[in-house]
N, C-alpha and C. Protein backbone atom coordinates (compact mmCIF):
# COMPACT_ATOMS: atom_id res chain seq x y z
N UNK A 1 101.39 80.84 81.65
CA UNK A 1 100.50 82.33 81.50
C UNK A 1 98.87 81.77 81.64
N UNK A 2 98.19 82.40 83.01
CA UNK A 2 96.51 82.00 82.60
C UNK A 2 95.75 83.02 81.51
N UNK A 3 94.91 82.21 80.83
CA UNK A 3 94.26 82.64 79.47
C UNK A 3 93.08 83.91 80.33
N UNK A 4 92.95 85.08 79.66
CA UNK A 4 91.74 85.85 80.20
C UNK A 4 90.74 86.38 79.07
N UNK A 5 89.60 86.01 79.58
CA UNK A 5 88.05 86.24 78.93
C UNK A 5 87.80 87.75 78.90
N UNK A 6 88.32 88.43 78.21
CA UNK A 6 87.55 90.03 77.84
C UNK A 6 86.20 89.68 76.98
N UNK A 7 85.07 90.34 78.10
CA UNK A 7 83.93 90.06 77.45
C UNK A 7 83.41 91.74 76.87
N UNK A 8 83.06 92.42 75.98
CA UNK A 8 82.60 93.31 75.53
C UNK A 8 81.10 93.17 74.80
N UNK A 9 79.85 93.88 75.28
CA UNK A 9 79.07 93.83 74.49
C UNK A 9 78.48 95.07 73.74
N UNK A 10 78.45 94.74 72.81
CA UNK A 10 78.12 95.87 71.76
C UNK A 10 76.79 96.13 71.21
N UNK A 11 76.55 97.51 71.26
CA UNK A 11 74.90 98.01 70.49
C UNK A 11 75.27 99.11 70.11
N UNK A 12 74.72 98.82 68.46
CA UNK A 12 75.12 100.58 67.99
C UNK A 12 76.60 101.13 68.43
N UNK A 13 77.80 100.16 67.80
CA UNK A 13 79.15 101.02 68.75
C UNK A 13 80.24 101.22 67.54
N UNK A 14 79.48 101.42 66.05
CA UNK A 14 80.27 101.32 65.22
C UNK A 14 81.61 102.55 65.29
N UNK A 15 81.07 103.65 65.73
CA UNK A 15 82.06 104.62 65.85
C UNK A 15 83.74 104.06 66.48
N UNK A 16 83.17 103.42 67.70
CA UNK A 16 84.60 103.31 69.15
C UNK A 16 84.99 101.59 68.78
N UNK A 17 84.50 100.81 68.05
CA UNK A 17 84.31 99.38 68.79
C UNK A 17 85.91 98.70 68.63
N UNK A 18 86.51 99.37 67.25
CA UNK A 18 87.59 99.33 66.49
C UNK A 18 88.98 99.95 67.71
N UNK A 19 88.50 100.86 67.99
CA UNK A 19 89.58 101.49 69.49
C UNK A 19 89.64 100.27 70.36
N UNK A 20 88.38 99.93 70.85
CA UNK A 20 88.22 99.05 71.83
C UNK A 20 88.73 97.43 72.04
N UNK A 21 88.17 96.98 70.67
CA UNK A 21 88.65 95.72 70.69
C UNK A 21 90.25 95.56 70.49
N UNK A 22 90.79 96.91 69.71
CA UNK A 22 92.66 96.96 69.25
C UNK A 22 93.24 97.49 70.60
N UNK A 23 92.09 97.75 71.73
CA UNK A 23 93.39 98.20 72.90
C UNK A 23 93.09 96.51 73.67
N UNK A 24 92.06 95.92 73.63
CA UNK A 24 92.21 94.31 73.94
C UNK A 24 93.42 93.48 73.29
N UNK A 25 93.20 93.69 72.09
CA UNK A 25 94.25 92.38 71.33
C UNK A 25 95.72 92.91 71.49
N UNK A 26 95.94 94.60 71.48
CA UNK A 26 97.16 94.82 71.76
C UNK A 26 97.94 94.51 73.05
N UNK A 27 97.19 94.30 74.14
CA UNK A 27 97.76 94.14 74.91
C UNK A 27 99.10 93.21 75.44
N UNK A 28 100.24 93.52 76.27
CA UNK A 28 101.07 93.00 76.63
C UNK A 28 100.68 91.86 76.88
N UNK A 29 99.58 91.45 77.47
CA UNK A 29 99.16 89.55 77.94
C UNK A 29 98.79 89.23 76.10
N UNK A 30 98.95 88.89 75.85
CA UNK A 30 98.60 87.94 74.58
C UNK A 30 97.81 86.61 74.70
N UNK A 31 97.74 86.61 76.25
CA UNK A 31 96.87 84.46 76.39
C UNK A 31 95.57 85.22 76.90
N UNK A 32 94.82 85.71 75.74
CA UNK A 32 93.67 86.30 76.13
C UNK A 32 92.71 85.92 74.41
N UNK A 33 91.38 86.07 75.64
CA UNK A 33 89.95 86.31 74.24
C UNK A 33 89.33 87.05 74.62
N UNK A 34 88.94 87.59 73.23
CA UNK A 34 88.20 88.40 73.08
C UNK A 34 86.47 88.56 72.54
N UNK A 35 85.65 88.65 73.53
CA UNK A 35 84.06 88.06 73.18
C UNK A 35 83.55 89.01 73.44
N UNK A 36 83.27 89.71 71.76
CA UNK A 36 82.28 90.49 71.32
C UNK A 36 81.12 90.47 71.17
N UNK A 37 80.44 90.92 72.05
CA UNK A 37 78.30 90.05 71.53
C UNK A 37 77.69 91.63 71.26
N UNK A 38 77.66 91.03 69.80
CA UNK A 38 76.60 92.56 69.26
C UNK A 38 75.12 91.84 69.63
N UNK A 39 74.64 92.88 70.24
CA UNK A 39 73.34 92.88 71.07
C UNK A 39 72.31 93.72 69.69
N UNK A 40 72.21 92.76 68.65
CA UNK A 40 70.66 93.34 67.64
C UNK A 40 71.11 94.85 67.25
N UNK A 41 72.43 95.43 67.01
CA UNK A 41 72.77 96.66 66.83
C UNK A 41 72.14 97.02 65.46
N UNK A 42 72.04 98.12 65.19
CA UNK A 42 71.28 98.64 64.10
C UNK A 42 71.86 99.27 62.88
N UNK A 43 73.71 99.61 63.54
CA UNK A 43 74.88 100.56 62.30
C UNK A 43 75.55 98.97 61.86
N UNK A 44 76.37 99.37 61.43
CA UNK A 44 77.13 98.52 61.23
C UNK A 44 78.24 97.53 62.31
N UNK A 45 77.63 97.97 63.14
CA UNK A 45 78.93 96.95 63.93
C UNK A 45 78.68 95.36 64.28
N UNK A 46 78.33 94.75 63.65
CA UNK A 46 78.29 93.39 63.60
C UNK A 46 79.03 93.04 62.29
N UNK A 47 79.27 94.18 61.04
CA UNK A 47 80.07 93.59 60.30
C UNK A 47 81.20 93.88 60.68
N UNK A 48 81.44 95.47 61.18
CA UNK A 48 82.95 95.66 61.56
C UNK A 48 83.40 93.88 63.28
N UNK A 49 82.60 93.75 63.70
CA UNK A 49 83.19 92.72 64.27
C UNK A 49 83.36 91.38 63.61
N UNK A 50 82.50 91.11 62.58
CA UNK A 50 82.81 90.04 61.79
C UNK A 50 84.61 90.21 61.32
N UNK A 51 84.83 91.11 60.85
CA UNK A 51 86.11 91.63 59.86
C UNK A 51 86.86 91.61 61.70
N UNK A 52 86.96 91.90 62.44
CA UNK A 52 88.05 91.41 63.59
C UNK A 52 88.23 90.36 64.04
N UNK A 53 86.88 90.00 64.31
CA UNK A 53 87.19 88.09 64.52
C UNK A 53 88.37 87.59 63.43
N UNK A 54 87.74 88.19 62.34
CA UNK A 54 88.26 87.10 60.66
C UNK A 54 90.01 87.39 60.72
N UNK A 55 90.51 89.03 61.84
CA UNK A 55 91.48 88.97 61.47
C UNK A 55 92.77 88.84 63.09
N UNK A 56 92.15 88.00 63.50
CA UNK A 56 92.56 87.46 65.08
C UNK A 56 91.70 86.29 65.49
N UNK A 57 92.69 85.46 65.62
CA UNK A 57 91.90 84.01 66.03
C UNK A 57 90.97 83.65 67.34
N UNK A 58 91.88 84.86 68.14
CA UNK A 58 91.77 85.14 69.60
C UNK A 58 89.94 85.87 69.92
N UNK A 59 89.40 85.89 68.77
CA UNK A 59 88.11 86.54 68.70
C UNK A 59 86.86 85.89 68.67
N UNK A 60 86.15 85.55 69.53
CA UNK A 60 84.73 85.24 69.32
C UNK A 60 83.69 85.99 69.09
N UNK A 61 83.07 85.99 68.21
CA UNK A 61 81.87 86.71 67.30
C UNK A 61 80.52 86.04 67.70
N UNK A 62 79.88 87.04 68.07
CA UNK A 62 78.45 86.76 68.83
C UNK A 62 77.32 87.53 68.47
N UNK A 63 76.31 86.79 67.70
CA UNK A 63 75.50 88.17 67.69
C UNK A 63 74.30 87.49 67.60
N UNK A 64 73.08 88.44 68.34
CA UNK A 64 71.90 88.00 69.20
C UNK A 64 70.51 88.97 68.84
N UNK A 65 69.46 88.99 69.12
CA UNK A 65 68.18 89.22 68.82
C UNK A 65 68.87 91.11 70.19
N UNK A 66 68.10 92.35 69.86
CA UNK A 66 68.67 92.79 70.75
C UNK A 66 67.81 92.49 72.57
N UNK A 67 68.54 92.24 73.78
CA UNK A 67 68.53 91.37 74.87
C UNK A 67 68.88 92.16 75.54
N UNK A 68 69.70 93.56 75.40
CA UNK A 68 69.90 94.53 76.57
C UNK A 68 71.19 94.16 77.22
N UNK A 69 72.32 94.96 77.88
CA UNK A 69 73.68 94.83 77.93
C UNK A 69 74.05 93.38 78.74
N UNK A 70 72.94 93.58 79.89
CA UNK A 70 72.97 92.33 81.06
C UNK A 70 72.74 91.22 79.89
N UNK A 71 72.09 90.74 79.18
CA UNK A 71 72.01 89.10 78.03
C UNK A 71 72.77 89.30 77.03
N UNK A 72 73.42 90.70 76.97
CA UNK A 72 74.85 90.03 76.11
C UNK A 72 75.93 89.33 76.74
N UNK A 73 76.56 89.95 78.25
CA UNK A 73 77.14 89.86 78.91
C UNK A 73 76.73 88.33 79.38
N UNK A 74 75.58 87.93 79.92
CA UNK A 74 75.95 86.50 80.17
C UNK A 74 76.17 85.50 79.07
N UNK A 75 75.21 85.87 77.56
CA UNK A 75 75.88 85.04 76.76
C UNK A 75 77.23 84.95 76.71
N UNK A 76 78.29 86.39 76.68
CA UNK A 76 79.63 86.38 76.50
C UNK A 76 80.12 85.32 77.44
N UNK A 77 79.23 84.80 78.77
CA UNK A 77 80.17 84.43 80.68
C UNK A 77 79.72 82.82 80.16
N UNK A 78 78.69 82.70 79.46
CA UNK A 78 78.92 81.24 78.79
C UNK A 78 79.51 80.76 77.96
N UNK A 79 80.13 81.66 76.88
CA UNK A 79 80.74 81.01 76.25
C UNK A 79 82.33 81.27 76.70
N UNK A 80 83.08 82.01 77.59
CA UNK A 80 83.91 82.15 78.10
C UNK A 80 84.77 80.84 78.78
N UNK A 81 86.34 81.20 78.55
CA UNK A 81 86.96 79.80 79.08
C UNK A 81 87.99 79.89 79.55
N UNK A 82 88.42 81.52 79.74
CA UNK A 82 90.03 82.00 80.87
C UNK A 82 89.80 81.43 82.20
N UNK A 83 90.42 81.57 82.50
CA UNK A 83 91.02 81.46 84.08
C UNK A 83 90.42 82.79 84.71
N UNK A 84 90.37 84.08 83.77
CA UNK A 84 90.04 85.11 84.70
C UNK A 84 89.33 85.49 83.61
N UNK A 85 88.07 86.35 84.39
CA UNK A 85 87.29 87.45 83.51
C UNK A 85 87.62 88.96 83.49
N UNK A 86 87.28 89.66 82.73
CA UNK A 86 87.67 90.89 82.70
C UNK A 86 87.11 91.58 81.42
N UNK A 87 85.69 92.91 81.64
CA UNK A 87 85.30 93.44 81.46
C UNK A 87 85.29 94.19 80.73
N UNK A 88 84.82 95.28 79.47
CA UNK A 88 85.02 96.53 78.79
C UNK A 88 83.62 96.81 78.19
N UNK A 89 83.43 98.15 77.86
CA UNK A 89 82.34 98.75 77.23
C UNK A 89 83.00 99.25 75.98
N UNK A 90 82.18 99.35 75.15
CA UNK A 90 82.33 99.70 73.83
C UNK A 90 82.44 100.50 73.41
N UNK A 91 82.58 101.68 73.86
CA UNK A 91 83.11 103.42 74.16
C UNK A 91 84.41 103.71 74.84
N UNK A 92 84.84 102.14 75.14
CA UNK A 92 85.96 102.89 76.05
C UNK A 92 87.31 102.17 75.92
N UNK A 93 88.34 102.33 76.28
CA UNK A 93 89.44 101.48 75.35
C UNK A 93 90.55 100.63 77.47
N UNK A 94 91.34 100.57 76.65
CA UNK A 94 93.04 99.95 77.77
C UNK A 94 93.51 100.25 77.79
N UNK A 95 94.96 100.92 78.78
CA UNK A 95 95.70 100.89 78.29
C UNK A 95 96.31 100.11 78.02
N UNK A 96 97.93 99.93 77.45
CA UNK A 96 98.52 98.58 76.88
C UNK A 96 98.74 97.34 78.08
N UNK A 97 99.42 97.66 79.14
CA UNK A 97 99.71 96.78 80.26
C UNK A 97 98.45 96.12 81.32
N UNK A 98 96.96 96.68 80.84
CA UNK A 98 96.21 96.82 81.99
C UNK A 98 95.95 95.19 82.70
N UNK A 99 95.58 94.91 81.25
CA UNK A 99 95.61 93.26 81.26
C UNK A 99 96.70 92.40 82.25
N UNK A 100 98.15 92.46 81.64
CA UNK A 100 98.96 91.88 82.49
C UNK A 100 99.18 92.58 84.01
N UNK A 101 98.73 93.30 84.18
CA UNK A 101 98.68 94.42 85.53
C UNK A 101 97.77 93.74 86.79
N UNK A 102 96.76 93.33 85.98
CA UNK A 102 95.23 92.76 86.85
C UNK A 102 96.05 91.57 87.17
N UNK A 103 96.26 91.04 86.24
CA UNK A 103 96.48 89.47 86.80
C UNK A 103 98.10 89.42 87.05
N UNK A 104 98.80 89.97 87.16
CA UNK A 104 100.25 89.96 88.13
C UNK A 104 99.92 90.23 89.62
N UNK A 105 98.80 91.21 89.63
CA UNK A 105 98.42 91.28 91.33
C UNK A 105 97.96 90.33 92.28
N UNK A 106 96.49 90.19 91.01
CA UNK A 106 95.61 88.36 91.46
C UNK A 106 96.69 87.52 91.99
N UNK A 107 97.94 87.12 91.12
CA UNK A 107 98.66 86.18 91.30
C UNK A 107 99.26 85.88 92.26
N UNK A 108 99.52 87.75 92.73
CA UNK A 108 100.76 87.97 93.75
C UNK A 108 100.35 87.72 95.04
N UNK A 109 99.37 88.41 94.98
CA UNK A 109 98.35 87.96 96.44
C UNK A 109 97.56 87.17 96.32
N UNK A 110 97.59 86.07 95.75
CA UNK A 110 96.53 84.96 95.81
C UNK A 110 95.00 85.91 96.28
N UNK A 111 94.53 86.14 95.36
CA UNK A 111 93.45 87.01 95.61
C UNK A 111 92.53 86.36 94.88
N UNK A 112 91.24 86.68 95.38
CA UNK A 112 89.85 86.07 94.50
C UNK A 112 89.23 87.12 93.38
N UNK A 113 89.35 88.72 94.14
CA UNK A 113 89.19 89.98 92.84
C UNK A 113 89.70 91.09 93.01
N UNK A 114 90.21 91.49 92.18
CA UNK A 114 91.22 92.98 91.54
C UNK A 114 90.57 93.66 91.52
N UNK A 115 91.01 95.09 92.04
CA UNK A 115 90.17 96.52 91.67
C UNK A 115 91.31 96.97 91.55
N UNK A 116 91.51 98.10 89.74
CA UNK A 116 92.40 99.03 89.80
C UNK A 116 91.54 100.20 90.07
N UNK A 117 92.69 101.17 89.64
CA UNK A 117 92.19 102.56 89.18
C UNK A 117 91.81 102.70 87.89
N UNK A 118 91.52 103.95 87.63
CA UNK A 118 91.09 104.12 85.90
C UNK A 118 91.01 105.57 85.45
N UNK A 119 90.62 105.83 84.67
CA UNK A 119 91.15 107.13 83.38
C UNK A 119 89.68 107.64 83.74
N UNK A 120 89.49 108.82 83.83
CA UNK A 120 87.79 108.98 83.37
C UNK A 120 88.40 110.69 82.54
N UNK A 121 87.87 110.35 81.13
CA UNK A 121 87.86 111.03 79.86
C UNK A 121 86.31 112.09 80.00
N UNK A 122 86.74 113.27 80.11
CA UNK A 122 85.80 113.87 79.72
C UNK A 122 86.26 115.58 78.87
N UNK A 123 85.10 114.93 77.72
CA UNK A 123 85.55 115.99 76.82
C UNK A 123 87.06 116.21 76.26
N UNK A 124 87.92 115.22 76.15
CA UNK A 124 89.40 114.78 75.81
C UNK A 124 90.13 115.32 76.71
N UNK A 125 89.84 115.40 78.28
CA UNK A 125 90.40 115.47 79.19
C UNK A 125 90.35 114.69 80.19
N UNK A 126 91.32 114.06 80.68
CA UNK A 126 91.80 113.20 81.90
C UNK A 126 92.60 113.10 83.13
N UNK A 127 91.44 112.56 83.82
CA UNK A 127 92.05 112.23 85.02
C UNK A 127 92.39 111.24 86.18
N UNK A 128 92.70 110.98 86.73
CA UNK A 128 93.05 109.45 87.30
C UNK A 128 91.84 109.58 88.71
N UNK A 129 91.16 108.37 88.82
CA UNK A 129 90.59 108.35 89.61
C UNK A 129 90.58 106.40 90.35
N UNK A 130 90.29 106.74 91.86
CA UNK A 130 90.84 105.52 92.45
C UNK A 130 90.48 105.74 93.99
N UNK A 131 89.77 105.03 94.83
CA UNK A 131 88.81 105.71 95.83
C UNK A 131 89.61 104.78 97.14
N UNK A 132 90.57 104.20 96.86
CA UNK A 132 90.95 103.34 98.21
C UNK A 132 92.89 103.89 97.96
N UNK A 133 93.38 104.44 98.84
CA UNK A 133 94.50 104.89 98.46
C UNK A 133 96.19 104.07 98.95
N UNK A 134 95.73 102.84 99.65
CA UNK A 134 96.53 101.89 99.72
C UNK A 134 96.70 100.48 98.78
N UNK A 135 97.94 100.36 98.53
CA UNK A 135 97.54 99.03 97.48
C UNK A 135 97.60 97.89 98.32
N UNK A 136 97.42 96.84 97.49
CA UNK A 136 97.89 95.36 98.31
C UNK A 136 96.88 94.36 98.49
N UNK A 137 96.54 93.51 99.67
CA UNK A 137 95.68 92.73 99.65
C UNK A 137 94.60 93.35 101.13
N UNK A 138 93.27 92.81 100.61
CA UNK A 138 92.19 93.18 101.93
C UNK A 138 92.05 92.01 102.32
N UNK A 139 91.24 91.94 103.76
CA UNK A 139 90.28 90.91 103.61
C UNK A 139 88.79 91.40 102.53
N UNK A 140 87.86 90.61 103.01
CA UNK A 140 86.44 91.07 102.54
C UNK A 140 86.03 91.93 103.53
N UNK A 141 86.25 91.94 104.69
CA UNK A 141 85.88 93.03 105.60
C UNK A 141 86.57 94.49 105.60
N UNK A 142 87.61 94.09 105.30
CA UNK A 142 88.44 95.57 104.82
C UNK A 142 88.00 96.17 103.66
N UNK A 143 87.66 95.28 102.68
CA UNK A 143 87.16 95.73 101.73
C UNK A 143 85.93 96.85 101.49
N UNK A 144 84.59 95.94 102.20
CA UNK A 144 83.64 96.24 102.61
C UNK A 144 83.22 97.37 103.15
N UNK A 145 84.43 97.57 104.16
CA UNK A 145 84.11 98.53 104.77
C UNK A 145 84.25 99.90 104.36
N UNK A 146 85.74 99.91 103.24
CA UNK A 146 85.80 100.86 102.37
C UNK A 146 84.94 101.60 101.55
N UNK A 147 84.31 100.00 101.09
CA UNK A 147 82.78 100.76 100.16
C UNK A 147 81.73 101.39 101.28
N UNK A 148 81.59 100.54 101.99
CA UNK A 148 80.64 101.49 102.63
C UNK A 148 80.69 103.03 102.85
N UNK A 149 82.42 103.43 102.73
CA UNK A 149 82.39 104.65 102.92
C UNK A 149 81.64 105.83 102.04
N UNK A 150 81.86 104.61 100.52
CA UNK A 150 80.99 105.68 99.10
C UNK A 150 80.44 105.07 98.72
N UNK A 151 79.81 103.96 99.04
CA UNK A 151 78.91 102.91 98.43
C UNK A 151 78.33 103.39 96.71
N UNK A 152 78.33 104.29 96.60
CA UNK A 152 77.44 104.74 95.15
C UNK A 152 78.73 105.15 94.29
N UNK A 153 79.84 105.10 94.71
CA UNK A 153 81.40 105.25 93.88
C UNK A 153 81.13 104.68 92.40
N UNK A 154 81.34 105.23 91.57
CA UNK A 154 82.05 104.15 90.64
C UNK A 154 83.13 103.15 90.36
N UNK A 155 83.88 103.62 91.25
CA UNK A 155 85.16 102.27 91.53
C UNK A 155 84.52 100.80 92.09
N UNK A 156 83.32 101.07 93.26
CA UNK A 156 83.22 100.17 93.64
C UNK A 156 82.05 99.03 92.45
N UNK A 157 81.42 99.68 91.74
CA UNK A 157 79.88 99.69 91.24
C UNK A 157 80.20 98.88 89.84
N UNK A 158 81.22 99.25 88.96
CA UNK A 158 81.31 99.05 87.77
C UNK A 158 82.16 97.69 87.74
N UNK A 159 82.03 96.61 86.53
CA UNK A 159 83.08 95.80 86.06
C UNK A 159 84.11 96.10 85.72
N UNK A 160 84.45 96.99 84.84
CA UNK A 160 85.24 97.35 84.40
C UNK A 160 86.80 97.64 84.37
N UNK A 161 86.88 97.65 85.91
CA UNK A 161 88.38 98.27 86.48
C UNK A 161 88.30 96.93 87.43
N UNK A 162 88.35 95.62 87.32
CA UNK A 162 87.79 94.68 87.84
C UNK A 162 88.53 93.30 87.17
N UNK A 163 88.95 92.39 87.52
CA UNK A 163 89.32 91.41 87.04
C UNK A 163 88.90 90.11 87.77
N UNK A 164 88.02 88.75 87.82
CA UNK A 164 87.09 88.02 88.56
C UNK A 164 87.80 86.60 88.05
N UNK A 165 87.74 86.10 89.18
CA UNK A 165 87.99 84.33 88.52
C UNK A 165 86.60 84.04 88.12
N UNK A 166 86.88 83.50 86.87
CA UNK A 166 85.93 82.63 86.43
C UNK A 166 85.08 80.92 87.20
N UNK A 167 85.72 80.31 87.97
CA UNK A 167 85.50 79.55 88.55
C UNK A 167 84.50 79.65 89.49
N UNK A 168 84.93 80.96 90.41
CA UNK A 168 83.63 81.39 91.90
C UNK A 168 82.62 81.86 90.49
N UNK A 169 82.46 82.39 89.59
CA UNK A 169 81.31 82.95 88.42
C UNK A 169 80.74 81.71 88.10
N UNK A 170 81.47 80.64 88.10
CA UNK A 170 80.33 79.33 87.42
C UNK A 170 80.34 78.79 88.61
N UNK A 171 80.78 78.54 89.58
CA UNK A 171 80.58 77.77 90.72
C UNK A 171 78.90 78.10 91.03
N UNK A 172 79.20 79.02 91.52
CA UNK A 172 78.07 79.86 92.27
C UNK A 172 76.98 80.53 91.10
N UNK A 173 77.06 80.27 89.80
CA UNK A 173 76.51 80.67 88.76
C UNK A 173 76.06 82.34 88.95
N UNK A 174 76.58 82.76 89.13
CA UNK A 174 76.85 84.00 88.87
C UNK A 174 76.51 84.88 88.03
N UNK A 175 75.62 85.11 87.44
CA UNK A 175 75.34 86.37 86.48
C UNK A 175 74.19 87.49 86.88
N UNK A 176 74.45 88.33 85.38
CA UNK A 176 73.54 89.68 85.52
C UNK A 176 72.19 89.53 85.12
N UNK A 177 71.47 90.09 86.30
CA UNK A 177 70.52 89.65 86.18
C UNK A 177 69.50 91.24 85.18
N UNK A 178 68.80 89.94 83.93
CA UNK A 178 68.40 90.80 82.73
C UNK A 178 66.98 91.59 82.69
N UNK A 179 66.34 90.97 84.13
CA UNK A 179 65.41 92.51 84.67
C UNK A 179 65.54 93.61 84.72
N UNK A 180 66.68 94.11 84.86
CA UNK A 180 67.16 95.26 85.20
C UNK A 180 68.27 95.77 84.78
N UNK A 181 68.16 97.25 84.28
CA UNK A 181 68.35 97.99 83.23
C UNK A 181 69.53 98.67 84.53
N UNK A 182 69.14 99.35 85.60
CA UNK A 182 70.25 99.76 85.93
C UNK A 182 71.07 99.61 87.08
N UNK A 183 72.49 99.53 87.40
CA UNK A 183 73.25 99.09 88.44
C UNK A 183 73.35 97.43 88.65
N UNK A 184 72.90 96.88 87.34
CA UNK A 184 73.02 95.18 87.55
C UNK A 184 74.44 95.19 87.66
N UNK A 185 75.43 96.00 87.42
CA UNK A 185 76.88 95.71 87.53
C UNK A 185 77.44 95.50 88.85
N UNK A 186 76.46 96.76 89.69
CA UNK A 186 76.83 96.36 91.15
C UNK A 186 76.08 94.91 91.64
N UNK A 187 75.09 94.73 91.50
CA UNK A 187 74.79 93.23 91.76
C UNK A 187 75.59 92.32 91.38
N UNK A 188 76.03 92.57 90.20
CA UNK A 188 76.81 91.50 90.05
C UNK A 188 78.42 91.57 91.04
N UNK A 189 78.76 92.53 91.02
CA UNK A 189 79.63 92.58 92.28
C UNK A 189 79.99 92.15 93.59
N UNK A 190 78.09 92.54 94.21
CA UNK A 190 77.86 91.95 95.17
C UNK A 190 77.37 90.96 95.88
N UNK A 191 76.99 89.99 94.78
CA UNK A 191 77.08 88.64 94.64
C UNK A 191 78.41 88.13 94.50
N UNK A 192 79.20 88.70 94.01
CA UNK A 192 80.29 87.85 93.44
C UNK A 192 81.21 87.80 94.64
N UNK A 193 81.16 89.13 95.27
CA UNK A 193 82.14 89.51 96.77
C UNK A 193 81.41 88.66 97.88
N UNK A 194 80.08 87.88 97.67
CA UNK A 194 79.22 86.68 99.05
C UNK A 194 80.79 85.94 99.23
N UNK A 195 81.54 85.50 97.60
CA UNK A 195 82.05 84.27 97.60
C UNK A 195 83.49 84.41 97.95
N UNK A 196 84.14 85.54 98.18
CA UNK A 196 85.53 86.36 98.16
C UNK A 196 86.14 86.44 99.78
N UNK A 197 87.16 86.18 99.58
CA UNK A 197 87.81 86.14 100.91
C UNK A 197 88.77 87.42 100.94
N UNK A 198 89.58 87.62 99.90
CA UNK A 198 90.42 88.60 100.03
C UNK A 198 90.79 89.16 98.43
N UNK A 199 90.33 90.75 98.61
CA UNK A 199 90.45 91.71 97.48
C UNK A 199 91.75 92.12 96.88
N UNK A 200 92.61 92.07 95.80
CA UNK A 200 93.64 93.13 95.87
C UNK A 200 93.51 94.59 95.09
N UNK A 201 93.78 95.45 95.95
CA UNK A 201 94.23 96.53 95.23
C UNK A 201 95.25 97.22 94.16
N UNK A 202 95.01 97.32 93.28
CA UNK A 202 95.98 97.78 92.17
C UNK A 202 95.77 99.52 92.37
N UNK A 203 97.02 99.83 92.78
CA UNK A 203 97.45 101.46 92.45
C UNK A 203 97.82 101.52 91.08
N UNK A 204 97.12 101.54 89.62
CA UNK A 204 97.49 101.81 88.61
C UNK A 204 96.43 101.59 88.40
N UNK A 205 96.34 102.62 87.00
CA UNK A 205 94.78 102.66 86.14
C UNK A 205 94.86 101.75 85.18
N UNK A 206 93.85 101.06 85.12
CA UNK A 206 93.54 99.86 84.04
C UNK A 206 92.32 100.18 83.05
N UNK A 207 92.06 101.63 83.10
CA UNK A 207 90.90 101.64 82.38
C UNK A 207 91.07 102.92 81.72
N UNK A 208 89.85 103.41 80.62
CA UNK A 208 89.67 104.60 80.76
C UNK A 208 88.49 104.68 79.84
N UNK A 209 87.80 105.82 81.11
CA UNK A 209 86.26 105.40 80.98
C UNK A 209 86.03 106.72 80.42
N UNK A 210 85.49 106.71 79.61
CA UNK A 210 84.95 107.68 78.17
C UNK A 210 83.40 107.65 78.78
N UNK A 211 83.50 109.58 79.64
CA UNK A 211 81.96 109.68 80.01
C UNK A 211 81.63 110.73 78.59
N UNK A 212 80.42 109.91 78.77
CA UNK A 212 79.31 110.57 77.35
C UNK A 212 77.92 111.07 78.19
N UNK A 213 77.34 111.80 77.51
CA UNK A 213 76.22 112.82 78.17
C UNK A 213 74.98 111.41 77.59
N UNK A 214 74.32 111.47 78.49
CA UNK A 214 73.30 110.56 77.95
C UNK A 214 73.57 108.87 78.23
């Protein structure tokens, strides 16, 4: 069973961090590490992170001065040790079988990137979202063609509905651009795709995205 590094940047996440971390640590796929990076929070986030780490040896707790979400993710990437990398945001959470399904699809399709559907949660209402109708393996060109039909779609731009190979990230030194604060995740994805030949589409929701105004 290959190890997965799950990265969660945290800034003032005291109200949601336990739900997010719990959904990761309770995955059906136990061979993972959870890297929680407190990015200079001004609430009780760091205290809660330390408690979570003390209760589960799979948790890496990191504290840094506030540098932004890209800085926090980059710090976590430097600490990651898994074969695969998965991302989550602190106000969201994962279905129990998310990591297992992503890894299974990655290996079944011999892919270098897996993209899954997700749930969008607005005021307690949940709807399933996905932009590619057929599951299975796509060439990079096929994936790019689909992306160009709706390039601003969350499905393509975000980090949290995807599984990445850490060897590709490290070989090509792919990191978040810390000088920008908008669409940094899309830029990361585009840089990653430069080094990918095949993408697996998973037709199952792997994430609960909590839409929050502001």
